[in-house]
Amino acid sequence: MEDESSELVNTNEGSLSNLVNEETVEGFWVKYPYLKELVEIIVAQGLISEEVAFERVKLIGDDKAKELNDGWKALCLKEQDLGNQMLELLLASSSTTKP
């Protein structure tokens, strides 16, 4: 009877691994913020469910994640540059028009 009562029972089974996994996932998204944005856009368009998208993207590995992150970042910068050019064009056209 004494042996049974002295046994320790783990009531938090898996909680440490869940915490480590959550920290790993957060670290992944901190490393690749543009990739996270891309996945969120794809989910918002209804092309794939959020759960599936985020689970699958974690499986691609760091090399591919970095490649996709850098590619999306470059496209975002191009989009920003095009937006600036559009505003400059609109400003130039509005200053040359006469009332």
PDB file of N, CA and C in Angstrom:
ATOM      1  N   MET A   1       0.827  -1.190   0.000  1.00  0.00           N
ATOM      2  CA  MET A   1       0.000   0.000   0.000  1.00  0.00           C
ATOM      3  C   MET A   1       0.865   1.244   0.000  1.00  0.00           C
ATOM      4  N   GLU A   2       1.966   1.197   0.762  1.00  0.00           N
ATOM      5  CA  GLU A   2       2.859   2.341   0.824  1.00  0.00           C
ATOM      6  C   GLU A   2       3.488   2.606  -0.531  1.00  0.00           C
ATOM      7  N   ASP A   3       3.794   1.558  -1.283  1.00  0.00           N
ATOM      8  CA  ASP A   3       4.390   1.719  -2.603  1.00  0.00           C
ATOM      9  C   ASP A   3       3.444   2.444  -3.553  1.00  0.00           C
ATOM     10  N   GLU A   4       2.169   2.119  -3.482  1.00  0.00           N
ATOM     11  CA  GLU A   4       1.194   2.735  -4.375  1.00  0.00           C
ATOM     12  C   GLU A   4       1.034   4.220  -4.095  1.00  0.00           C
ATOM     13  N   SER A   5       1.004   4.622  -2.840  1.00  0.00           N
ATOM     14  CA  SER A   5       0.780   6.024  -2.504  1.00  0.00           C
ATOM     15  C   SER A   5       2.020   6.878  -2.747  1.00  0.00           C
ATOM     16  N   SER A   6       3.204   6.262  -2.785  1.00  0.00           N
ATOM     17  CA  SER A   6       4.423   7.040  -2.988  1.00  0.00           C
ATOM     18  C   SER A   6       4.736   7.273  -4.470  1.00  0.00           C
ATOM     19  N   GLU A   7       3.953   6.673  -5.354  1.00  0.00           N
ATOM     20  CA  GLU A   7       4.185   6.876  -6.785  1.00  0.00           C
ATOM     21  C   GLU A   7       3.742   8.273  -7.198  1.00  0.00           C
ATOM     22  N   LEU A   8       4.549   8.904  -8.032  1.00  0.00           N
ATOM     23  CA  LEU A   8       4.183  10.210  -8.568  1.00  0.00           C
ATOM     24  C   LEU A   8       3.430  10.014  -9.876  1.00  0.00           C
ATOM     25  N   VAL A   9       2.363  10.720 -10.000  1.00  0.00           N
ATOM     26  CA  VAL A   9       1.553  10.638 -11.207  1.00  0.00           C
ATOM     27  C   VAL A   9       1.691  11.949 -11.959  1.00  0.00           C
ATOM     28  N   ASN A  10       2.036  11.854 -13.230  1.00  0.00           N
ATOM     29  CA  ASN A  10       2.185  13.043 -14.062  1.00  0.00           C
ATOM     30  C   ASN A  10       0.809  13.448 -14.574  1.00  0.00           C
ATOM     31  N   THR A  11       0.268  14.524 -14.008  1.00  0.00           N
ATOM     32  CA  THR A  11      -1.051  14.997 -14.434  1.00  0.00           C
ATOM     33  C   THR A  11      -0.949  16.002 -15.571  1.00  0.00           C
ATOM     34  N   ASN A  12       0.254  16.435 -15.890  1.00  0.00           N
ATOM     35  CA  ASN A  12       0.469  17.403 -16.964  1.00  0.00           C
ATOM     36  C   ASN A  12       1.161  16.754 -18.152  1.00  0.00           C
ATOM     37  N   GLU A  13       0.778  15.547 -18.449  1.00  0.00           N
ATOM     38  CA  GLU A  13       1.444  14.802 -19.508  1.00  0.00           C
ATOM     39  C   GLU A  13       1.385  15.562 -20.828  1.00  0.00           C
ATOM     40  N   GLY A  14       2.543  15.769 -21.422  1.00  0.00           N
ATOM     41  CA  GLY A  14       2.616  16.426 -22.719  1.00  0.00           C
ATOM     42  C   GLY A  14       2.632  17.934 -22.664  1.00  0.00           C
ATOM     43  N   SER A  15       2.423  18.542 -21.501  1.00  0.00           N
ATOM     44  CA  SER A  15       2.335  19.998 -21.451  1.00  0.00           C
ATOM     45  C   SER A  15       3.667  20.661 -21.764  1.00  0.00           C
ATOM     46  N   LEU A  16       4.777  20.065 -21.337  1.00  0.00           N
ATOM     47  CA  LEU A  16       6.085  20.638 -21.640  1.00  0.00           C
ATOM     48  C   LEU A  16       6.356  20.561 -23.133  1.00  0.00           C
ATOM     49  N   SER A  17       6.029  19.434 -23.741  1.00  0.00           N
ATOM     50  CA  SER A  17       6.255  19.321 -25.186  1.00  0.00           C
ATOM     51  C   SER A  17       5.348  20.273 -25.952  1.00  0.00           C
ATOM     52  N   ASN A  18       4.134  20.495 -25.461  1.00  0.00           N
ATOM     53  CA  ASN A  18       3.245  21.458 -26.117  1.00  0.00           C
ATOM     54  C   ASN A  18       3.807  22.865 -26.018  1.00  0.00           C
ATOM     55  N   LEU A  19       4.364  23.212 -24.863  1.00  0.00           N
ATOM     56  CA  LEU A  19       4.954  24.532 -24.667  1.00  0.00           C
ATOM     57  C   LEU A  19       6.145  24.717 -25.587  1.00  0.00           C
ATOM     58  N   VAL A  20       7.001  23.720 -25.669  1.00  0.00           N
ATOM     59  CA  VAL A  20       8.167  23.786 -26.549  1.00  0.00           C
ATOM     60  C   VAL A  20       7.711  23.910 -27.994  1.00  0.00           C
ATOM     61  N   ASN A  21       6.690  23.147 -28.375  1.00  0.00           N
ATOM     62  CA  ASN A  21       6.169  23.202 -29.741  1.00  0.00           C
ATOM     63  C   ASN A  21       5.606  24.584 -30.055  1.00  0.00           C
ATOM     64  N   GLU A  22       4.853  25.179 -29.117  1.00  0.00           N
ATOM     65  CA  GLU A  22       4.295  26.513 -29.329  1.00  0.00           C
ATOM     66  C   GLU A  22       5.403  27.549 -29.480  1.00  0.00           C
ATOM     67  N   GLU A  23       6.459  27.438 -28.668  1.00  0.00           N
ATOM     68  CA  GLU A  23       7.585  28.362 -28.775  1.00  0.00           C
ATOM     69  C   GLU A  23       8.293  28.186 -30.108  1.00  0.00           C
ATOM     70  N   THR A  24       8.403  26.953 -30.575  1.00  0.00           N
ATOM     71  CA  THR A  24       9.036  26.684 -31.861  1.00  0.00           C
ATOM     72  C   THR A  24       8.220  27.294 -32.992  1.00  0.00           C
ATOM     73  N   VAL A  25       6.910  27.146 -32.933  1.00  0.00           N
ATOM     74  CA  VAL A  25       6.035  27.714 -33.958  1.00  0.00           C
ATOM     75  C   VAL A  25       6.135  29.232 -33.945  1.00  0.00           C
ATOM     76  N   GLU A  26       6.083  29.828 -32.757  1.00  0.00           N
ATOM     77  CA  GLU A  26       6.207  31.286 -32.664  1.00  0.00           C
ATOM     78  C   GLU A  26       7.553  31.748 -33.203  1.00  0.00           C
ATOM     79  N   GLY A  27       8.608  31.021 -32.891  1.00  0.00           N
ATOM     80  CA  GLY A  27       9.936  31.355 -33.399  1.00  0.00           C
ATOM     81  C   GLY A  27       9.997  31.264 -34.911  1.00  0.00           C
ATOM     82  N   PHE A  28       9.312  30.276 -35.472  1.00  0.00           N
ATOM     83  CA  PHE A  28       9.260  30.104 -36.924  1.00  0.00           C
ATOM     84  C   PHE A  28       8.628  31.331 -37.571  1.00  0.00           C
ATOM     85  N   TRP A  29       7.499  31.787 -37.024  1.00  0.00           N
ATOM     86  CA  TRP A  29       6.806  32.937 -37.611  1.00  0.00           C
ATOM     87  C   TRP A  29       7.559  34.235 -37.368  1.00  0.00           C
ATOM     88  N   VAL A  30       8.290  34.330 -36.275  1.00  0.00           N
ATOM     89  CA  VAL A  30       9.124  35.514 -36.045  1.00  0.00           C
ATOM     90  C   VAL A  30      10.229  35.565 -37.092  1.00  0.00           C
ATOM     91  N   LYS A  31      10.765  34.411 -37.431  1.00  0.00           N
ATOM     92  CA  LYS A  31      11.821  34.330 -38.444  1.00  0.00           C
ATOM     93  C   LYS A  31      11.311  34.642 -39.841  1.00  0.00           C
ATOM     94  N   TYR A  32      10.069  34.279 -40.119  1.00  0.00           N
ATOM     95  CA  TYR A  32       9.521  34.398 -41.469  1.00  0.00           C
ATOM     96  C   TYR A  32       8.187  35.157 -41.468  1.00  0.00           C
ATOM     97  N   PRO A  33       8.202  36.450 -41.130  1.00  0.00           N
ATOM     98  CA  PRO A  33       6.942  37.204 -41.038  1.00  0.00           C
ATOM     99  C   PRO A  33       6.235  37.389 -42.383  1.00  0.00           C
ATOM    100  N   TYR A  34       6.999  37.496 -43.456  1.00  0.00           N
ATOM    101  CA  TYR A  34       6.375  37.668 -44.772  1.00  0.00           C
ATOM    102  C   TYR A  34       5.702  36.374 -45.224  1.00  0.00           C
ATOM    103  N   LEU A  35       6.276  35.257 -44.885  1.00  0.00           N
ATOM    104  CA  LEU A  35       5.659  33.966 -45.197  1.00  0.00           C
ATOM    105  C   LEU A  35       4.346  33.821 -44.433  1.00  0.00           C
ATOM    106  N   LYS A  36       4.332  34.260 -43.187  1.00  0.00           N
ATOM    107  CA  LYS A  36       3.100  34.205 -42.398  1.00  0.00           C
ATOM    108  C   LYS A  36       2.023  35.064 -43.054  1.00  0.00           C
ATOM    109  N   GLU A  37       2.409  36.250 -43.510  1.00  0.00           N
ATOM    110  CA  GLU A  37       1.464  37.134 -44.193  1.00  0.00           C
ATOM    111  C   GLU A  37       0.918  36.471 -45.459  1.00  0.00           C
ATOM    112  N   LEU A  38       1.795  35.827 -46.213  1.00  0.00           N
ATOM    113  CA  LEU A  38       1.382  35.137 -47.438  1.00  0.00           C
ATOM    114  C   LEU A  38       0.375  34.035 -47.126  1.00  0.00           C
ATOM    115  N   VAL A  39       0.647  33.250 -46.107  1.00  0.00           N
ATOM    116  CA  VAL A  39      -0.269  32.169 -45.724  1.00  0.00           C
ATOM    117  C   VAL A  39      -1.610  32.748 -45.288  1.00  0.00           C
ATOM    118  N   GLU A  40      -1.588  33.846 -44.538  1.00  0.00           N
ATOM    119  CA  GLU A  40      -2.832  34.483 -44.098  1.00  0.00           C
ATOM    120  C   GLU A  40      -3.647  34.987 -45.288  1.00  0.00           C
ATOM    121  N   ILE A  41      -2.977  35.504 -46.309  1.00  0.00           N
ATOM    122  CA  ILE A  41      -3.672  35.972 -47.517  1.00  0.00           C
ATOM    123  C   ILE A  41      -4.320  34.797 -48.242  1.00  0.00           C
ATOM    124  N   ILE A  42      -3.584  33.707 -48.370  1.00  0.00           N
ATOM    125  CA  ILE A  42      -4.116  32.519 -49.044  1.00  0.00           C
ATOM    126  C   ILE A  42      -5.333  31.981 -48.294  1.00  0.00           C
ATOM    127  N   VAL A  43      -5.260  31.966 -46.967  1.00  0.00           N
ATOM    128  CA  VAL A  43      -6.383  31.499 -46.148  1.00  0.00           C
ATOM    129  C   VAL A  43      -7.572  32.443 -46.316  1.00  0.00           C
ATOM    130  N   ALA A  44      -7.321  33.759 -46.311  1.00  0.00           N
ATOM    131  CA  ALA A  44      -8.398  34.743 -46.445  1.00  0.00           C
ATOM    132  C   ALA A  44      -9.115  34.624 -47.788  1.00  0.00           C
ATOM    133  N   GLN A  45      -8.400  34.197 -48.804  1.00  0.00           N
ATOM    134  CA  GLN A  45      -9.007  34.010 -50.123  1.00  0.00           C
ATOM    135  C   GLN A  45      -9.807  32.714 -50.202  1.00  0.00           C
ATOM    136  N   GLY A  46      -9.738  31.914 -49.163  1.00  0.00           N
ATOM    137  CA  GLY A  46     -10.504  30.676 -49.115  1.00  0.00           C
ATOM    138  C   GLY A  46      -9.904  29.547 -49.932  1.00  0.00           C
ATOM    139  N   LEU A  47      -8.633  29.672 -50.274  1.00  0.00           N
ATOM    140  CA  LEU A  47      -7.995  28.645 -51.089  1.00  0.00           C
ATOM    141  C   LEU A  47      -7.655  27.396 -50.294  1.00  0.00           C
ATOM    142  N   ILE A  48      -7.484  27.552 -48.983  1.00  0.00           N
ATOM    143  CA  ILE A  48      -7.144  26.426 -48.110  1.00  0.00           C
ATOM    144  C   ILE A  48      -7.544  26.820 -46.689  1.00  0.00           C
ATOM    145  N   SER A  49      -7.859  25.841 -45.865  1.00  0.00           N
ATOM    146  CA  SER A  49      -8.254  26.157 -44.492  1.00  0.00           C
ATOM    147  C   SER A  49      -7.040  26.613 -43.685  1.00  0.00           C
ATOM    148  N   GLU A  50      -7.301  27.412 -42.675  1.00  0.00           N
ATOM    149  CA  GLU A  50      -6.221  27.950 -41.845  1.00  0.00           C
ATOM    150  C   GLU A  50      -5.420  26.843 -41.176  1.00  0.00           C
ATOM    151  N   GLU A  51      -6.120  25.874 -40.622  1.00  0.00           N
ATOM    152  CA  GLU A  51      -5.446  24.778 -39.919  1.00  0.00           C
ATOM    153  C   GLU A  51      -4.509  24.014 -40.851  1.00  0.00           C
ATOM    154  N   VAL A  52      -5.005  23.663 -42.018  1.00  0.00           N
ATOM    155  CA  VAL A  52      -4.201  22.911 -42.984  1.00  0.00           C
ATOM    156  C   VAL A  52      -3.027  23.752 -43.472  1.00  0.00           C
ATOM    157  N   ALA A  53      -3.281  25.010 -43.775  1.00  0.00           N
ATOM    158  CA  ALA A  53      -2.225  25.885 -44.297  1.00  0.00           C
ATOM    159  C   ALA A  53      -1.076  26.017 -43.312  1.00  0.00           C
ATOM    160  N   PHE A  54      -1.383  26.307 -42.066  1.00  0.00           N
ATOM    161  CA  PHE A  54      -0.324  26.515 -41.085  1.00  0.00           C
ATOM    162  C   PHE A  54       0.384  25.217 -40.724  1.00  0.00           C
ATOM    163  N   GLU A  55      -0.329  24.097 -40.752  1.00  0.00           N
ATOM    164  CA  GLU A  55       0.323  22.813 -40.488  1.00  0.00           C
ATOM    165  C   GLU A  55       1.276  22.442 -41.620  1.00  0.00           C
ATOM    166  N   ARG A  56       0.836  22.647 -42.843  1.00  0.00           N
ATOM    167  CA  ARG A  56       1.674  22.273 -43.993  1.00  0.00           C
ATOM    168  C   ARG A  56       2.896  23.160 -44.136  1.00  0.00           C
ATOM    169  N   VAL A  57       2.743  24.442 -43.866  1.00  0.00           N
ATOM    170  CA  VAL A  57       3.873  25.351 -44.060  1.00  0.00           C
ATOM    171  C   VAL A  57       4.997  25.044 -43.073  1.00  0.00           C
ATOM    172  N   LYS A  58       4.646  24.489 -41.920  1.00  0.00           N
ATOM    173  CA  LYS A  58       5.681  24.122 -40.950  1.00  0.00           C
ATOM    174  C   LYS A  58       6.513  22.938 -41.430  1.00  0.00           C
ATOM    175  N   LEU A  59       6.008  22.207 -42.399  1.00  0.00           N
ATOM    176  CA  LEU A  59       6.699  21.017 -42.893  1.00  0.00           C
ATOM    177  C   LEU A  59       7.691  21.312 -44.014  1.00  0.00           C
ATOM    178  N   ILE A  60       7.728  22.530 -44.522  1.00  0.00           N
ATOM    179  CA  ILE A  60       8.559  22.821 -45.696  1.00  0.00           C
ATOM    180  C   ILE A  60      10.034  22.995 -45.375  1.00  0.00           C
ATOM    181  N   GLY A  61      10.361  23.220 -44.126  1.00  0.00           N
ATOM    182  CA  GLY A  61      11.760  23.365 -43.741  1.00  0.00           C
ATOM    183  C   GLY A  61      12.248  24.797 -43.850  1.00  0.00           C
ATOM    184  N   ASP A  62      13.368  25.052 -43.203  1.00  0.00           N
ATOM    185  CA  ASP A  62      13.898  26.411 -43.123  1.00  0.00           C
ATOM    186  C   ASP A  62      14.366  26.962 -44.464  1.00  0.00           C
ATOM    187  N   ASP A  63      14.989  26.135 -45.285  1.00  0.00           N
ATOM    188  CA  ASP A  63      15.506  26.635 -46.566  1.00  0.00           C
ATOM    189  C   ASP A  63      14.377  27.140 -47.462  1.00  0.00           C
ATOM    190  N   LYS A  64      13.343  26.332 -47.612  1.00  0.00           N
ATOM    191  CA  LYS A  64      12.211  26.716 -48.459  1.00  0.00           C
ATOM    192  C   LYS A  64      11.436  27.866 -47.823  1.00  0.00           C
ATOM    193  N   ALA A  65      11.306  27.856 -46.498  1.00  0.00           N
ATOM    194  CA  ALA A  65      10.608  28.941 -45.808  1.00  0.00           C
ATOM    195  C   ALA A  65      11.330  30.265 -46.032  1.00  0.00           C
ATOM    196  N   LYS A  66      12.659  30.243 -45.949  1.00  0.00           N
ATOM    197  CA  LYS A  66      13.439  31.463 -46.182  1.00  0.00           C
ATOM    198  C   LYS A  66      13.272  31.932 -47.618  1.00  0.00           C
ATOM    199  N   GLU A  67      13.302  30.999 -48.560  1.00  0.00           N
ATOM    200  CA  GLU A  67      13.134  31.342 -49.977  1.00  0.00           C
ATOM    201  C   GLU A  67      11.771  32.000 -50.223  1.00  0.00           C
ATOM    202  N   LEU A  68      10.710  31.408 -49.680  1.00  0.00           N
ATOM    203  CA  LEU A  68       9.370  31.967 -49.848  1.00  0.00           C
ATOM    204  C   LEU A  68       9.226  33.303 -49.129  1.00  0.00           C
ATOM    205  N   ASN A  69       9.792  33.404 -47.928  1.00  0.00           N
ATOM    206  CA  ASN A  69       9.738  34.642 -47.166  1.00  0.00           C
ATOM    207  C   ASN A  69      10.431  35.768 -47.933  1.00  0.00           C
ATOM    208  N   ASP A  70      11.625  35.488 -48.443  1.00  0.00           N
ATOM    209  CA  ASP A  70      12.379  36.503 -49.184  1.00  0.00           C
ATOM    210  C   ASP A  70      11.669  36.885 -50.483  1.00  0.00           C
ATOM    211  N   GLY A  71      11.093  35.906 -51.162  1.00  0.00           N
ATOM    212  CA  GLY A  71      10.364  36.180 -52.398  1.00  0.00           C
ATOM    213  C   GLY A  71       9.147  37.056 -52.170  1.00  0.00           C
ATOM    214  N   TRP A  72       8.375  36.748 -51.112  1.00  0.00           N
ATOM    215  CA  TRP A  72       7.181  37.541 -50.815  1.00  0.00           C
ATOM    216  C   TRP A  72       7.576  38.939 -50.361  1.00  0.00           C
ATOM    217  N   LYS A  73       8.659  39.046 -49.601  1.00  0.00           N
ATOM    218  CA  LYS A  73       9.147  40.361 -49.166  1.00  0.00           C
ATOM    219  C   LYS A  73       9.514  41.208 -50.384  1.00  0.00           C
ATOM    220  N   ALA A  74      10.206  40.609 -51.350  1.00  0.00           N
ATOM    221  CA  ALA A  74      10.596  41.336 -52.564  1.00  0.00           C
ATOM    222  C   ALA A  74       9.359  41.816 -53.324  1.00  0.00           C
ATOM    223  N   LEU A  75       8.336  40.962 -53.417  1.00  0.00           N
ATOM    224  CA  LEU A  75       7.107  41.368 -54.098  1.00  0.00           C
ATOM    225  C   LEU A  75       6.391  42.487 -53.347  1.00  0.00           C
ATOM    226  N   CYS A  76       6.397  42.430 -52.035  1.00  0.00           N
ATOM    227  CA  CYS A  76       5.778  43.494 -51.233  1.00  0.00           C
ATOM    228  C   CYS A  76       6.494  44.823 -51.446  1.00  0.00           C
ATOM    229  N   LEU A  77       7.815  44.781 -51.515  1.00  0.00           N
ATOM    230  CA  LEU A  77       8.583  46.004 -51.756  1.00  0.00           C
ATOM    231  C   LEU A  77       8.307  46.555 -53.152  1.00  0.00           C
ATOM    232  N   LYS A  78       8.180  45.675 -54.142  1.00  0.00           N
ATOM    233  CA  LYS A  78       7.841  46.114 -55.503  1.00  0.00           C
ATOM    234  C   LYS A  78       6.452  46.743 -55.530  1.00  0.00           C
ATOM    235  N   GLU A  79       5.512  46.123 -54.816  1.00  0.00           N
ATOM    236  CA  GLU A  79       4.151  46.653 -54.755  1.00  0.00           C
ATOM    237  C   GLU A  79       4.155  48.041 -54.123  1.00  0.00           C
ATOM    238  N   GLN A  80       4.930  48.203 -53.072  1.00  0.00           N
ATOM    239  CA  GLN A  80       5.033  49.501 -52.409  1.00  0.00           C
ATOM    240  C   GLN A  80       5.633  50.539 -53.360  1.00  0.00           C
ATOM    241  N   ASP A  81       6.663  50.150 -54.086  1.00  0.00           N
ATOM    242  CA  ASP A  81       7.297  51.052 -55.044  1.00  0.00           C
ATOM    243  C   ASP A  81       6.317  51.447 -56.151  1.00  0.00           C
ATOM    244  N   LEU A  82       5.557  50.489 -56.657  1.00  0.00           N
ATOM    245  CA  LEU A  82       4.557  50.794 -57.681  1.00  0.00           C
ATOM    246  C   LEU A  82       3.473  51.730 -57.145  1.00  0.00           C
ATOM    247  N   GLY A  83       3.079  51.537 -55.907  1.00  0.00           N
ATOM    248  CA  GLY A  83       2.106  52.435 -55.281  1.00  0.00           C
ATOM    249  C   GLY A  83       2.642  53.854 -55.186  1.00  0.00           C
ATOM    250  N   ASN A  84       3.912  53.969 -54.821  1.00  0.00           N
ATOM    251  CA  ASN A  84       4.537  55.294 -54.755  1.00  0.00           C
ATOM    252  C   ASN A  84       4.594  55.940 -56.134  1.00  0.00           C
ATOM    253  N   GLN A  85       4.931  55.157 -57.149  1.00  0.00           N
ATOM    254  CA  GLN A  85       4.979  55.679 -58.519  1.00  0.00           C
ATOM    255  C   GLN A  85       3.595  56.129 -58.983  1.00  0.00           C
ATOM    256  N   MET A  86       2.575  55.377 -58.618  1.00  0.00           N
ATOM    257  CA  MET A  86       1.213  55.741 -58.981  1.00  0.00           C
ATOM    258  C   MET A  86       0.827  57.076 -58.339  1.00  0.00           C
ATOM    259  N   LEU A  87       1.156  57.235 -57.057  1.00  0.00           N
ATOM    260  CA  LEU A  87       0.848  58.487 -56.371  1.00  0.00           C
ATOM    261  C   LEU A  87       1.599  59.660 -56.985  1.00  0.00           C
ATOM    262  N   GLU A  88       2.859  59.444 -57.338  1.00  0.00           N
ATOM    263  CA  GLU A  88       3.637  60.501 -57.988  1.00  0.00           C
ATOM    264  C   GLU A  88       3.018  60.880 -59.327  1.00  0.00           C
ATOM    265  N   LEU A  89       2.556  59.895 -60.075  1.00  0.00           N
ATOM    266  CA  LEU A  89       1.918  60.145 -61.361  1.00  0.00           C
ATOM    267  C   LEU A  89       0.621  60.930 -61.176  1.00  0.00           C
ATOM    268  N   LEU A  90      -0.179  60.532 -60.209  1.00  0.00           N
ATOM    269  CA  LEU A  90      -1.424  61.249 -59.935  1.00  0.00           C
ATOM    270  C   LEU A  90      -1.148  62.675 -59.484  1.00  0.00           C
ATOM    271  N   LEU A  91      -0.147  62.846 -58.663  1.00  0.00           N
ATOM    272  CA  LEU A  91       0.219  64.184 -58.200  1.00  0.00           C
ATOM    273  C   LEU A  91       0.687  65.044 -59.365  1.00  0.00           C
ATOM    274  N   ALA A  92       1.505  64.468 -60.231  1.00  0.00           N
ATOM    275  CA  ALA A  92       2.005  65.206 -61.393  1.00  0.00           C
ATOM    276  C   ALA A  92       0.863  65.567 -62.337  1.00  0.00           C
ATOM    277  N   SER A  93      -0.077  64.662 -62.535  1.00  0.00           N
ATOM    278  CA  SER A  93      -1.184  64.948 -63.453  1.00  0.00           C
ATOM    279  C   SER A  93      -2.150  65.968 -62.864  1.00  0.00           C
ATOM    280  N   SER A  94      -2.319  65.969 -61.561  1.00  0.00           N
ATOM    281  CA  SER A  94      -3.235  66.936 -60.948  1.00  0.00           C
ATOM    282  C   SER A  94      -2.622  68.328 -60.898  1.00  0.00           C
ATOM    283  N   SER A  95      -1.320  68.427 -60.853  1.00  0.00           N
ATOM    284  CA  SER A  95      -0.690  69.750 -60.809  1.00  0.00           C
ATOM    285  C   SER A  95      -0.605  70.382 -62.192  1.00  0.00           C
ATOM    286  N   THR A  96      -0.746  69.584 -63.252  1.00  0.00           N
ATOM    287  CA  THR A  96      -0.679  70.131 -64.610  1.00  0.00           C
ATOM    288  C   THR A  96      -2.052  70.432 -65.182  1.00  0.00           C
ATOM    289  N   THR A  97      -3.112  69.954 -64.551  1.00  0.00           N
ATOM    290  CA  THR A  97      -4.462  70.233 -65.050  1.00  0.00           C
ATOM    291  C   THR A  97      -4.908  71.607 -64.593  1.00  0.00           C
ATOM    292  N   LYS A  98      -5.667  72.267 -65.455  1.00  0.00           N
ATOM    293  CA  LYS A  98      -6.182  73.600 -65.133  1.00  0.00           C
ATOM    294  C   LYS A  98      -7.653  73.485 -64.761  1.00  0.00           C
ATOM    295  N   PRO A  99      -8.087  74.263 -63.779  1.00  0.00           N
ATOM    296  CA  PRO A  99      -9.495  74.203 -63.364  1.00  0.00           C
ATOM    297  C   PRO A  99     -10.449  74.757 -64.382  1.00  0.00           C
TER     298      PRO A  99
END
